[in-house]
Amino acid sequence: MACDMTGPCAQNALVAVDEAIANAMEHACANGSEGTVHITARATVDRLYIEVADTGTWRDPEPRRAAARGRGIPLMRRLMDHVTLTSGSAGTTVSMDTRVTR
């Protein structure tokens, strides 16, 4: 996939995707279990759409660890125009998109 984006726009998308992947790996492979993470992306003339899906189970933040964690989703929301999380028995999917700036 080729997409003509400015450096800041590409950097924002890369950081948001990296955070989504890190979360997916942590949840899909929790406690040494095997899991799968799928990443899909597509670009239109002026938008970039990315989806990160895992086969893991959603875990609510642990209160004792919450102070040092929990910044990933707000970060993704700050860097991308839209971020949607969908969680169910088959896993969790983060869908996000942003306007492509040139």
PDB file of N, CA and C in Angstrom:
ATOM      1  N   MET A   1       0.849  -1.163   0.000  1.00  0.00           N
ATOM      2  CA  MET A   1       0.000   0.000   0.000  1.00  0.00           C
ATOM      3  C   MET A   1       0.895   1.227   0.000  1.00  0.00           C
ATOM      4  N   ALA A   2       0.681   2.128  -0.914  1.00  0.00           N
ATOM      5  CA  ALA A   2       1.413   3.385  -0.957  1.00  0.00           C
ATOM      6  C   ALA A   2       0.444   4.512  -0.626  1.00  0.00           C
ATOM      7  N   CYS A   3       0.925   5.441   0.174  1.00  0.00           N
ATOM      8  CA  CYS A   3       0.078   6.540   0.598  1.00  0.00           C
ATOM      9  C   CYS A   3       0.967   7.760   0.784  1.00  0.00           C
ATOM     10  N   ASP A   4       0.711   8.806   0.039  1.00  0.00           N
ATOM     11  CA  ASP A   4       1.524  10.011   0.102  1.00  0.00           C
ATOM     12  C   ASP A   4       1.086  10.858   1.293  1.00  0.00           C
ATOM     13  N   MET A   5       1.794  10.724   2.427  1.00  0.00           N
ATOM     14  CA  MET A   5       1.446  11.434   3.656  1.00  0.00           C
ATOM     15  C   MET A   5       2.612  12.303   4.102  1.00  0.00           C
ATOM     16  N   THR A   6       2.300  13.378   4.812  1.00  0.00           N
ATOM     17  CA  THR A   6       3.358  14.181   5.405  1.00  0.00           C
ATOM     18  C   THR A   6       3.997  13.388   6.539  1.00  0.00           C
ATOM     19  N   GLY A   7       5.190  13.788   6.934  1.00  0.00           N
ATOM     20  CA  GLY A   7       5.887  13.125   8.031  1.00  0.00           C
ATOM     21  C   GLY A   7       5.083  13.102   9.316  1.00  0.00           C
ATOM     22  N   PRO A   8       4.532  14.244   9.777  1.00  0.00           N
ATOM     23  CA  PRO A   8       3.759  14.240  11.017  1.00  0.00           C
ATOM     24  C   PRO A   8       2.523  13.337  10.956  1.00  0.00           C
ATOM     25  N   CYS A   9       1.840  13.318   9.840  1.00  0.00           N
ATOM     26  CA  CYS A   9       0.654  12.465   9.693  1.00  0.00           C
ATOM     27  C   CYS A   9       1.058  10.988   9.757  1.00  0.00           C
ATOM     28  N   ALA A  10       2.114  10.626   9.056  1.00  0.00           N
ATOM     29  CA  ALA A  10       2.603   9.246   9.077  1.00  0.00           C
ATOM     30  C   ALA A  10       3.079   8.868  10.474  1.00  0.00           C
ATOM     31  N   GLN A  11       3.779   9.756  11.146  1.00  0.00           N
ATOM     32  CA  GLN A  11       4.266   9.493  12.503  1.00  0.00           C
ATOM     33  C   GLN A  11       3.100   9.248  13.460  1.00  0.00           C
ATOM     34  N   ASN A  12       2.071  10.067  13.386  1.00  0.00           N
ATOM     35  CA  ASN A  12       0.898   9.884  14.250  1.00  0.00           C
ATOM     36  C   ASN A  12       0.261   8.523  14.020  1.00  0.00           C
ATOM     37  N   ALA A  13       0.104   8.142  12.751  1.00  0.00           N
ATOM     38  CA  ALA A  13      -0.508   6.844  12.440  1.00  0.00           C
ATOM     39  C   ALA A  13       0.366   5.701  12.951  1.00  0.00           C
ATOM     40  N   LEU A  14       1.680   5.795  12.767  1.00  0.00           N
ATOM     41  CA  LEU A  14       2.585   4.743  13.231  1.00  0.00           C
ATOM     42  C   LEU A  14       2.555   4.579  14.750  1.00  0.00           C
ATOM     43  N   VAL A  15       2.547   5.675  15.473  1.00  0.00           N
ATOM     44  CA  VAL A  15       2.504   5.591  16.940  1.00  0.00           C
ATOM     45  C   VAL A  15       1.184   4.994  17.400  1.00  0.00           C
ATOM     46  N   ALA A  16       0.073   5.409  16.797  1.00  0.00           N
ATOM     47  CA  ALA A  16      -1.242   4.868  17.177  1.00  0.00           C
ATOM     48  C   ALA A  16      -1.317   3.371  16.888  1.00  0.00           C
ATOM     49  N   VAL A  17      -0.831   2.958  15.744  1.00  0.00           N
ATOM     50  CA  VAL A  17      -0.846   1.534  15.386  1.00  0.00           C
ATOM     51  C   VAL A  17       0.075   0.747  16.310  1.00  0.00           C
ATOM     52  N   ASP A  18       1.231   1.278  16.611  1.00  0.00           N
ATOM     53  CA  ASP A  18       2.152   0.607  17.526  1.00  0.00           C
ATOM     54  C   ASP A  18       1.497   0.383  18.884  1.00  0.00           C
ATOM     55  N   GLU A  19       0.795   1.367  19.378  1.00  0.00           N
ATOM     56  CA  GLU A  19       0.117   1.231  20.672  1.00  0.00           C
ATOM     57  C   GLU A  19      -0.979   0.174  20.596  1.00  0.00           C
ATOM     58  N   ALA A  20      -1.752   0.168  19.513  1.00  0.00           N
ATOM     59  CA  ALA A  20      -2.807  -0.837  19.352  1.00  0.00           C
ATOM     60  C   ALA A  20      -2.218  -2.243  19.274  1.00  0.00           C
ATOM     61  N   ILE A  21      -1.103  -2.391  18.573  1.00  0.00           N
ATOM     62  CA  ILE A  21      -0.440  -3.697  18.467  1.00  0.00           C
ATOM     63  C   ILE A  21       0.101  -4.136  19.823  1.00  0.00           C
ATOM     64  N   ALA A  22       0.718  -3.223  20.550  1.00  0.00           N
ATOM     65  CA  ALA A  22       1.240  -3.569  21.881  1.00  0.00           C
ATOM     66  C   ALA A  22       0.115  -4.050  22.789  1.00  0.00           C
ATOM     67  N   ASN A  23      -1.009  -3.361  22.765  1.00  0.00           N
ATOM     68  CA  ASN A  23      -2.162  -3.787  23.571  1.00  0.00           C
ATOM     69  C   ASN A  23      -2.672  -5.150  23.116  1.00  0.00           C
ATOM     70  N   ALA A  24      -2.762  -5.333  21.805  1.00  0.00           N
ATOM     71  CA  ALA A  24      -3.254  -6.609  21.279  1.00  0.00           C
ATOM     72  C   ALA A  24      -2.332  -7.756  21.682  1.00  0.00           C
ATOM     73  N   MET A  25      -1.029  -7.550  21.587  1.00  0.00           N
ATOM     74  CA  MET A  25      -0.082  -8.602  21.968  1.00  0.00           C
ATOM     75  C   MET A  25      -0.194  -8.922  23.455  1.00  0.00           C
ATOM     76  N   GLU A  26      -0.344  -7.905  24.258  1.00  0.00           N
ATOM     77  CA  GLU A  26      -0.467  -8.126  25.702  1.00  0.00           C
ATOM     78  C   GLU A  26      -1.724  -8.918  26.040  1.00  0.00           C
ATOM     79  N   HIS A  27      -2.813  -8.616  25.373  1.00  0.00           N
ATOM     80  CA  HIS A  27      -4.074  -9.288  25.686  1.00  0.00           C
ATOM     81  C   HIS A  27      -4.233 -10.618  24.959  1.00  0.00           C
ATOM     82  N   ALA A  28      -3.806 -10.683  23.710  1.00  0.00           N
ATOM     83  CA  ALA A  28      -3.968 -11.923  22.947  1.00  0.00           C
ATOM     84  C   ALA A  28      -3.025 -13.015  23.433  1.00  0.00           C
ATOM     85  N   CYS A  29      -1.907 -12.610  24.000  1.00  0.00           N
ATOM     86  CA  CYS A  29      -0.912 -13.588  24.452  1.00  0.00           C
ATOM     87  C   CYS A  29      -0.738 -13.528  25.964  1.00  0.00           C
ATOM     88  N   ALA A  30      -1.785 -13.183  26.677  1.00  0.00           N
ATOM     89  CA  ALA A  30      -1.713 -13.071  28.137  1.00  0.00           C
ATOM     90  C   ALA A  30      -1.431 -14.431  28.768  1.00  0.00           C
ATOM     91  N   ASN A  31      -0.655 -14.405  29.797  1.00  0.00           N
ATOM     92  CA  ASN A  31      -0.346 -15.607  30.577  1.00  0.00           C
ATOM     93  C   ASN A  31       0.256 -16.721  29.729  1.00  0.00           C
ATOM     94  N   GLY A  32       1.010 -16.357  28.711  1.00  0.00           N
ATOM     95  CA  GLY A  32       1.682 -17.350  27.885  1.00  0.00           C
ATOM     96  C   GLY A  32       0.794 -18.074  26.896  1.00  0.00           C
ATOM     97  N   SER A  33      -0.471 -17.669  26.778  1.00  0.00           N
ATOM     98  CA  SER A  33      -1.358 -18.336  25.829  1.00  0.00           C
ATOM     99  C   SER A  33      -1.051 -17.868  24.411  1.00  0.00           C
ATOM    100  N   GLU A  34      -1.398 -18.709  23.452  1.00  0.00           N
ATOM    101  CA  GLU A  34      -1.199 -18.337  22.059  1.00  0.00           C
ATOM    102  C   GLU A  34      -2.359 -17.471  21.610  1.00  0.00           C
ATOM    103  N   GLY A  35      -2.075 -16.507  20.782  1.00  0.00           N
ATOM    104  CA  GLY A  35      -3.105 -15.635  20.253  1.00  0.00           C
ATOM    105  C   GLY A  35      -2.704 -15.154  18.877  1.00  0.00           C
ATOM    106  N   THR A  36      -3.610 -14.507  18.230  1.00  0.00           N
ATOM    107  CA  THR A  36      -3.380 -14.003  16.887  1.00  0.00           C
ATOM    108  C   THR A  36      -3.705 -12.517  16.852  1.00  0.00           C
ATOM    109  N   VAL A  37      -2.890 -11.765  16.134  1.00  0.00           N
ATOM    110  CA  VAL A  37      -3.137 -10.350  15.914  1.00  0.00           C
ATOM    111  C   VAL A  37      -3.133 -10.117  14.402  1.00  0.00           C
ATOM    112  N   HIS A  38      -4.192  -9.494  13.902  1.00  0.00           N
ATOM    113  CA  HIS A  38      -4.308  -9.170  12.481  1.00  0.00           C
ATOM    114  C   HIS A  38      -4.305  -7.659  12.323  1.00  0.00           C
ATOM    115  N   ILE A  39      -3.551  -7.180  11.345  1.00  0.00           N
ATOM    116  CA  ILE A  39      -3.492  -5.754  11.058  1.00  0.00           C
ATOM    117  C   ILE A  39      -3.890  -5.552   9.599  1.00  0.00           C
ATOM    118  N   THR A  40      -4.865  -4.690   9.378  1.00  0.00           N
ATOM    119  CA  THR A  40      -5.264  -4.357   8.017  1.00  0.00           C
ATOM    120  C   THR A  40      -5.268  -2.840   7.871  1.00  0.00           C
ATOM    121  N   ALA A  41      -4.961  -2.394   6.690  1.00  0.00           N
ATOM    122  CA  ALA A  41      -4.967  -0.958   6.414  1.00  0.00           C
ATOM    123  C   ALA A  41      -5.408  -0.742   4.973  1.00  0.00           C
ATOM    124  N   ARG A  42      -6.058   0.385   4.767  1.00  0.00           N
ATOM    125  CA  ARG A  42      -6.408   0.778   3.408  1.00  0.00           C
ATOM    126  C   ARG A  42      -6.430   2.297   3.351  1.00  0.00           C
ATOM    127  N   ALA A  43      -6.129   2.804   2.200  1.00  0.00           N
ATOM    128  CA  ALA A  43      -6.096   4.249   2.010  1.00  0.00           C
ATOM    129  C   ALA A  43      -7.022   4.630   0.870  1.00  0.00           C
ATOM    130  N   THR A  44      -7.675   5.755   1.042  1.00  0.00           N
ATOM    131  CA  THR A  44      -8.439   6.361  -0.040  1.00  0.00           C
ATOM    132  C   THR A  44      -7.690   7.628  -0.425  1.00  0.00           C
ATOM    133  N   VAL A  45      -8.298   8.441  -1.224  1.00  0.00           N
ATOM    134  CA  VAL A  45      -7.643   9.668  -1.664  1.00  0.00           C
ATOM    135  C   VAL A  45      -7.234  10.541  -0.482  1.00  0.00           C
ATOM    136  N   ASP A  46      -8.077  10.594   0.550  1.00  0.00           N
ATOM    137  CA  ASP A  46      -7.785  11.515   1.644  1.00  0.00           C
ATOM    138  C   ASP A  46      -7.909  10.926   3.044  1.00  0.00           C
ATOM    139  N   ARG A  47      -8.046   9.586   3.160  1.00  0.00           N
ATOM    140  CA  ARG A  47      -8.166   8.977   4.490  1.00  0.00           C
ATOM    141  C   ARG A  47      -7.356   7.692   4.552  1.00  0.00           C
ATOM    142  N   LEU A  48      -6.873   7.410   5.754  1.00  0.00           N
ATOM    143  CA  LEU A  48      -6.176   6.163   6.047  1.00  0.00           C
ATOM    144  C   LEU A  48      -6.985   5.424   7.100  1.00  0.00           C
ATOM    145  N   TYR A  49      -7.338   4.175   6.810  1.00  0.00           N
ATOM    146  CA  TYR A  49      -8.121   3.337   7.716  1.00  0.00           C
ATOM    147  C   TYR A  49      -7.255   2.173   8.176  1.00  0.00           C
ATOM    148  N   ILE A  50      -7.203   1.944   9.474  1.00  0.00           N
ATOM    149  CA  ILE A  50      -6.378   0.873  10.033  1.00  0.00           C
ATOM    150  C   ILE A  50      -7.212   0.097  11.044  1.00  0.00           C
ATOM    151  N   GLU A  51      -7.024  -1.224  11.039  1.00  0.00           N
ATOM    152  CA  GLU A  51      -7.711  -2.074  12.004  1.00  0.00           C
ATOM    153  C   GLU A  51      -6.701  -3.051  12.607  1.00  0.00           C
ATOM    154  N   VAL A  52      -6.694  -3.139  13.928  1.00  0.00           N
ATOM    155  CA  VAL A  52      -5.852  -4.091  14.651  1.00  0.00           C
ATOM    156  C   VAL A  52      -6.794  -4.977  15.445  1.00  0.00           C
ATOM    157  N   ALA A  53      -6.786  -6.261  15.139  1.00  0.00           N
ATOM    158  CA  ALA A  53      -7.711  -7.200  15.791  1.00  0.00           C
ATOM    159  C   ALA A  53      -6.920  -8.329  16.437  1.00  0.00           C
ATOM    160  N   ASP A  54      -7.339  -8.707  17.656  1.00  0.00           N
ATOM    161  CA  ASP A  54      -6.691  -9.828  18.334  1.00  0.00           C
ATOM    162  C   ASP A  54      -7.732 -10.857  18.750  1.00  0.00           C
ATOM    163  N   THR A  55      -7.250 -12.023  19.130  1.00  0.00           N
ATOM    164  CA  THR A  55      -8.136 -13.105  19.558  1.00  0.00           C
ATOM    165  C   THR A  55      -8.152 -13.240  21.069  1.00  0.00           C
ATOM    166  N   GLY A  56      -7.672 -12.218  21.740  1.00  0.00           N
ATOM    167  CA  GLY A  56      -7.588 -12.260  23.202  1.00  0.00           C
ATOM    168  C   GLY A  56      -8.870 -11.837  23.885  1.00  0.00           C
ATOM    169  N   THR A  57      -8.785 -11.752  25.192  1.00  0.00           N
ATOM    170  CA  THR A  57      -9.916 -11.377  26.029  1.00  0.00           C
ATOM    171  C   THR A  57      -9.655 -10.016  26.642  1.00  0.00           C
ATOM    172  N   TRP A  58     -10.651  -9.151  26.575  1.00  0.00           N
ATOM    173  CA  TRP A  58     -10.530  -7.815  27.164  1.00  0.00           C
ATOM    174  C   TRP A  58     -10.320  -7.930  28.658  1.00  0.00           C
ATOM    175  N   ARG A  59      -9.402  -7.147  29.172  1.00  0.00           N
ATOM    176  CA  ARG A  59      -9.162  -7.111  30.612  1.00  0.00           C
ATOM    177  C   ARG A  59      -9.300  -5.679  31.094  1.00  0.00           C
ATOM    178  N   ASP A  60     -10.124  -5.470  32.101  1.00  0.00           N
ATOM    179  CA  ASP A  60     -10.225  -4.152  32.705  1.00  0.00           C
ATOM    180  C   ASP A  60      -8.931  -3.863  33.448  1.00  0.00           C
ATOM    181  N   PRO A  61      -8.537  -2.589  33.503  1.00  0.00           N
ATOM    182  CA  PRO A  61      -7.298  -2.247  34.211  1.00  0.00           C
ATOM    183  C   PRO A  61      -7.352  -2.658  35.676  1.00  0.00           C
ATOM    184  N   GLU A  62      -6.229  -3.150  36.161  1.00  0.00           N
ATOM    185  CA  GLU A  62      -6.121  -3.494  37.578  1.00  0.00           C
ATOM    186  C   GLU A  62      -5.907  -2.204  38.365  1.00  0.00           C
ATOM    187  N   PRO A  63      -6.701  -1.972  39.418  1.00  0.00           N
ATOM    188  CA  PRO A  63      -6.580  -0.712  40.160  1.00  0.00           C
ATOM    189  C   PRO A  63      -5.163  -0.414  40.643  1.00  0.00           C
ATOM    190  N   ARG A  64      -4.443  -1.422  41.092  1.00  0.00           N
ATOM    191  CA  ARG A  64      -3.104  -1.173  41.624  1.00  0.00           C
ATOM    192  C   ARG A  64      -2.111  -0.796  40.529  1.00  0.00           C
ATOM    193  N   ARG A  65      -2.408  -1.146  39.280  1.00  0.00           N
ATOM    194  CA  ARG A  65      -1.513  -0.825  38.168  1.00  0.00           C
ATOM    195  C   ARG A  65      -2.027   0.335  37.332  1.00  0.00           C
ATOM    196  N   ALA A  66      -3.248   0.778  37.591  1.00  0.00           N
ATOM    197  CA  ALA A  66      -3.884   1.781  36.744  1.00  0.00           C
ATOM    198  C   ALA A  66      -3.133   3.105  36.706  1.00  0.00           C
ATOM    199  N   ALA A  67      -2.490   3.493  37.802  1.00  0.00           N
ATOM    200  CA  ALA A  67      -1.786   4.774  37.842  1.00  0.00           C
ATOM    201  C   ALA A  67      -0.607   4.805  36.873  1.00  0.00           C
ATOM    202  N   ALA A  68      -0.003   3.669  36.620  1.00  0.00           N
ATOM    203  CA  ALA A  68       1.164   3.609  35.748  1.00  0.00           C
ATOM    204  C   ALA A  68       0.817   3.167  34.327  1.00  0.00           C
ATOM    205  N   ARG A  69      -0.443   2.957  34.051  1.00  0.00           N
ATOM    206  CA  ARG A  69      -0.853   2.420  32.752  1.00  0.00           C
ATOM    207  C   ARG A  69      -2.074   3.171  32.248  1.00  0.00           C
ATOM    208  N   GLY A  70      -2.634   2.692  31.170  1.00  0.00           N
ATOM    209  CA  GLY A  70      -3.893   3.228  30.691  1.00  0.00           C
ATOM    210  C   GLY A  70      -3.787   4.470  29.825  1.00  0.00           C
ATOM    211  N   ARG A  71      -2.616   4.724  29.284  1.00  0.00           N
ATOM    212  CA  ARG A  71      -2.461   5.915  28.447  1.00  0.00           C
ATOM    213  C   ARG A  71      -2.599   5.619  26.954  1.00  0.00           C
ATOM    214  N   GLY A  72      -2.617   4.355  26.586  1.00  0.00           N
ATOM    215  CA  GLY A  72      -2.605   3.975  25.172  1.00  0.00           C
ATOM    216  C   GLY A  72      -3.839   4.373  24.398  1.00  0.00           C
ATOM    217  N   ILE A  73      -5.007   4.092  24.926  1.00  0.00           N
ATOM    218  CA  ILE A  73      -6.233   4.423  24.204  1.00  0.00           C
ATOM    219  C   ILE A  73      -6.394   5.936  24.079  1.00  0.00           C
ATOM    220  N   PRO A  74      -6.186   6.713  25.155  1.00  0.00           N
ATOM    221  CA  PRO A  74      -6.251   8.170  24.967  1.00  0.00           C
ATOM    222  C   PRO A  74      -5.215   8.684  23.954  1.00  0.00           C
ATOM    223  N   LEU A  75      -4.040   8.067  23.930  1.00  0.00           N
ATOM    224  CA  LEU A  75      -3.015   8.460  22.963  1.00  0.00           C
ATOM    225  C   LEU A  75      -3.499   8.196  21.541  1.00  0.00           C
ATOM    226  N   MET A  76      -4.052   7.006  21.293  1.00  0.00           N
ATOM    227  CA  MET A  76      -4.576   6.690  19.965  1.00  0.00           C
ATOM    228  C   MET A  76      -5.651   7.694  19.568  1.00  0.00           C
ATOM    229  N   ARG A  77      -6.527   8.035  20.502  1.00  0.00           N
ATOM    230  CA  ARG A  77      -7.614   8.981  20.209  1.00  0.00           C
ATOM    231  C   ARG A  77      -7.085  10.383  19.913  1.00  0.00           C
ATOM    232  N   ARG A  78      -5.980  10.728  20.512  1.00  0.00           N
ATOM    233  CA  ARG A  78      -5.384  12.053  20.272  1.00  0.00           C
ATOM    234  C   ARG A  78      -4.702  12.107  18.900  1.00  0.00           C
ATOM    235  N   LEU A  79      -4.122  10.987  18.485  1.00  0.00           N
ATOM    236  CA  LEU A  79      -3.359  10.952  17.249  1.00  0.00           C
ATOM    237  C   LEU A  79      -4.188  10.689  15.998  1.00  0.00           C
ATOM    238  N   MET A  80      -5.325  10.044  16.150  1.00  0.00           N
ATOM    239  CA  MET A  80      -6.168   9.688  15.014  1.00  0.00           C
ATOM    240  C   MET A  80      -7.489  10.457  15.102  1.00  0.00           C
ATOM    241  N   ASP A  81      -8.186  10.587  13.973  1.00  0.00           N
ATOM    242  CA  ASP A  81      -9.471  11.304  13.972  1.00  0.00           C
ATOM    243  C   ASP A  81     -10.568  10.509  14.662  1.00  0.00           C
ATOM    244  N   HIS A  82     -10.601   9.212  14.413  1.00  0.00           N
ATOM    245  CA  HIS A  82     -11.628   8.342  14.999  1.00  0.00           C
ATOM    246  C   HIS A  82     -10.987   7.049  15.487  1.00  0.00           C
ATOM    247  N   VAL A  83     -11.368   6.611  16.676  1.00  0.00           N
ATOM    248  CA  VAL A  83     -10.906   5.330  17.229  1.00  0.00           C
ATOM    249  C   VAL A  83     -12.112   4.645  17.842  1.00  0.00           C
ATOM    250  N   THR A  84     -12.350   3.402  17.436  1.00  0.00           N
ATOM    251  CA  THR A  84     -13.452   2.614  17.966  1.00  0.00           C
ATOM    252  C   THR A  84     -12.907   1.284  18.456  1.00  0.00           C
ATOM    253  N   LEU A  85     -13.288   0.892  19.673  1.00  0.00           N
ATOM    254  CA  LEU A  85     -12.900  -0.401  20.226  1.00  0.00           C
ATOM    255  C   LEU A  85     -14.140  -1.277  20.298  1.00  0.00           C
ATOM    256  N   THR A  86     -14.005  -2.486  19.792  1.00  0.00           N
ATOM    257  CA  THR A  86     -15.080  -3.465  19.840  1.00  0.00           C
ATOM    258  C   THR A  86     -14.514  -4.720  20.477  1.00  0.00           C
ATOM    259  N   SER A  87     -15.163  -5.188  21.546  1.00  0.00           N
ATOM    260  CA  SER A  87     -14.665  -6.354  22.253  1.00  0.00           C
ATOM    261  C   SER A  87     -15.778  -7.376  22.406  1.00  0.00           C
ATOM    262  N   GLY A  88     -15.427  -8.626  22.238  1.00  0.00           N
ATOM    263  CA  GLY A  88     -16.397  -9.704  22.382  1.00  0.00           C
ATOM    264  C   GLY A  88     -15.686 -11.025  22.615  1.00  0.00           C
ATOM    265  N   SER A  89     -16.423 -12.099  22.526  1.00  0.00           N
ATOM    266  CA  SER A  89     -15.859 -13.415  22.806  1.00  0.00           C
ATOM    267  C   SER A  89     -14.786 -13.829  21.791  1.00  0.00           C
ATOM    268  N   ALA A  90     -14.818 -13.258  20.591  1.00  0.00           N
ATOM    269  CA  ALA A  90     -13.830 -13.605  19.565  1.00  0.00           C
ATOM    270  C   ALA A  90     -12.565 -12.766  19.662  1.00  0.00           C
ATOM    271  N   GLY A  91     -12.568 -11.722  20.512  1.00  0.00           N
ATOM    272  CA  GLY A  91     -11.389 -10.884  20.657  1.00  0.00           C
ATOM    273  C   GLY A  91     -11.744  -9.410  20.660  1.00  0.00           C
ATOM    274  N   THR A  92     -10.733  -8.596  20.468  1.00  0.00           N
ATOM    275  CA  THR A  92     -10.896  -7.145  20.490  1.00  0.00           C
ATOM    276  C   THR A  92     -10.382  -6.563  19.182  1.00  0.00           C
ATOM    277  N   THR A  93     -11.110  -5.585  18.651  1.00  0.00           N
ATOM    278  CA  THR A  93     -10.712  -4.905  17.425  1.00  0.00           C
ATOM    279  C   THR A  93     -10.645  -3.409  17.680  1.00  0.00           C
ATOM    280  N   VAL A  94      -9.543  -2.813  17.278  1.00  0.00           N
ATOM    281  CA  VAL A  94      -9.389  -1.357  17.310  1.00  0.00           C
ATOM    282  C   VAL A  94      -9.449  -0.885  15.866  1.00  0.00           C
ATOM    283  N   SER A  95     -10.443  -0.072  15.559  1.00  0.00           N
ATOM    284  CA  SER A  95     -10.583   0.518  14.222  1.00  0.00           C
ATOM    285  C   SER A  95     -10.287   2.000  14.348  1.00  0.00           C
ATOM    286  N   MET A  96      -9.446   2.516  13.474  1.00  0.00           N
ATOM    287  CA  MET A  96      -9.108   3.927  13.539  1.00  0.00           C
ATOM    288  C   MET A  96      -8.887   4.478  12.145  1.00  0.00           C
ATOM    289  N   ASP A  97      -9.101   5.763  12.024  1.00  0.00           N
ATOM    290  CA  ASP A  97      -8.839   6.407  10.746  1.00  0.00           C
ATOM    291  C   ASP A  97      -8.411   7.842  10.976  1.00  0.00           C
ATOM    292  N   THR A  98      -7.773   8.388   9.951  1.00  0.00           N
ATOM    293  CA  THR A  98      -7.304   9.766   9.997  1.00  0.00           C
ATOM    294  C   THR A  98      -7.298  10.336   8.590  1.00  0.00           C
ATOM    295  N   ARG A  99      -7.396  11.625   8.521  1.00  0.00           N
ATOM    296  CA  ARG A  99      -7.287  12.332   7.252  1.00  0.00           C
ATOM    297  C   ARG A  99      -5.836  12.295   6.802  1.00  0.00           C
ATOM    298  N   VAL A 100      -5.608  12.036   5.550  1.00  0.00           N
ATOM    299  CA  VAL A 100      -4.258  12.015   4.998  1.00  0.00           C
ATOM    300  C   VAL A 100      -3.892  13.440   4.613  1.00  0.00           C
ATOM    301  N   THR A 101      -2.806  13.928   5.192  1.00  0.00           N
ATOM    302  CA  THR A 101      -2.307  15.246   4.833  1.00  0.00           C
ATOM    303  C   THR A 101      -1.044  15.089   4.025  1.00  0.00           C
ATOM    304  N   ARG A 102      -0.933  15.921   3.016  1.00  0.00           N
ATOM    305  CA  ARG A 102       0.227  15.863   2.108  1.00  0.00           C
ATOM    306  C   ARG A 102       1.052  17.092   2.257  1.00  0.00           C
TER     307      ARG A 102
END
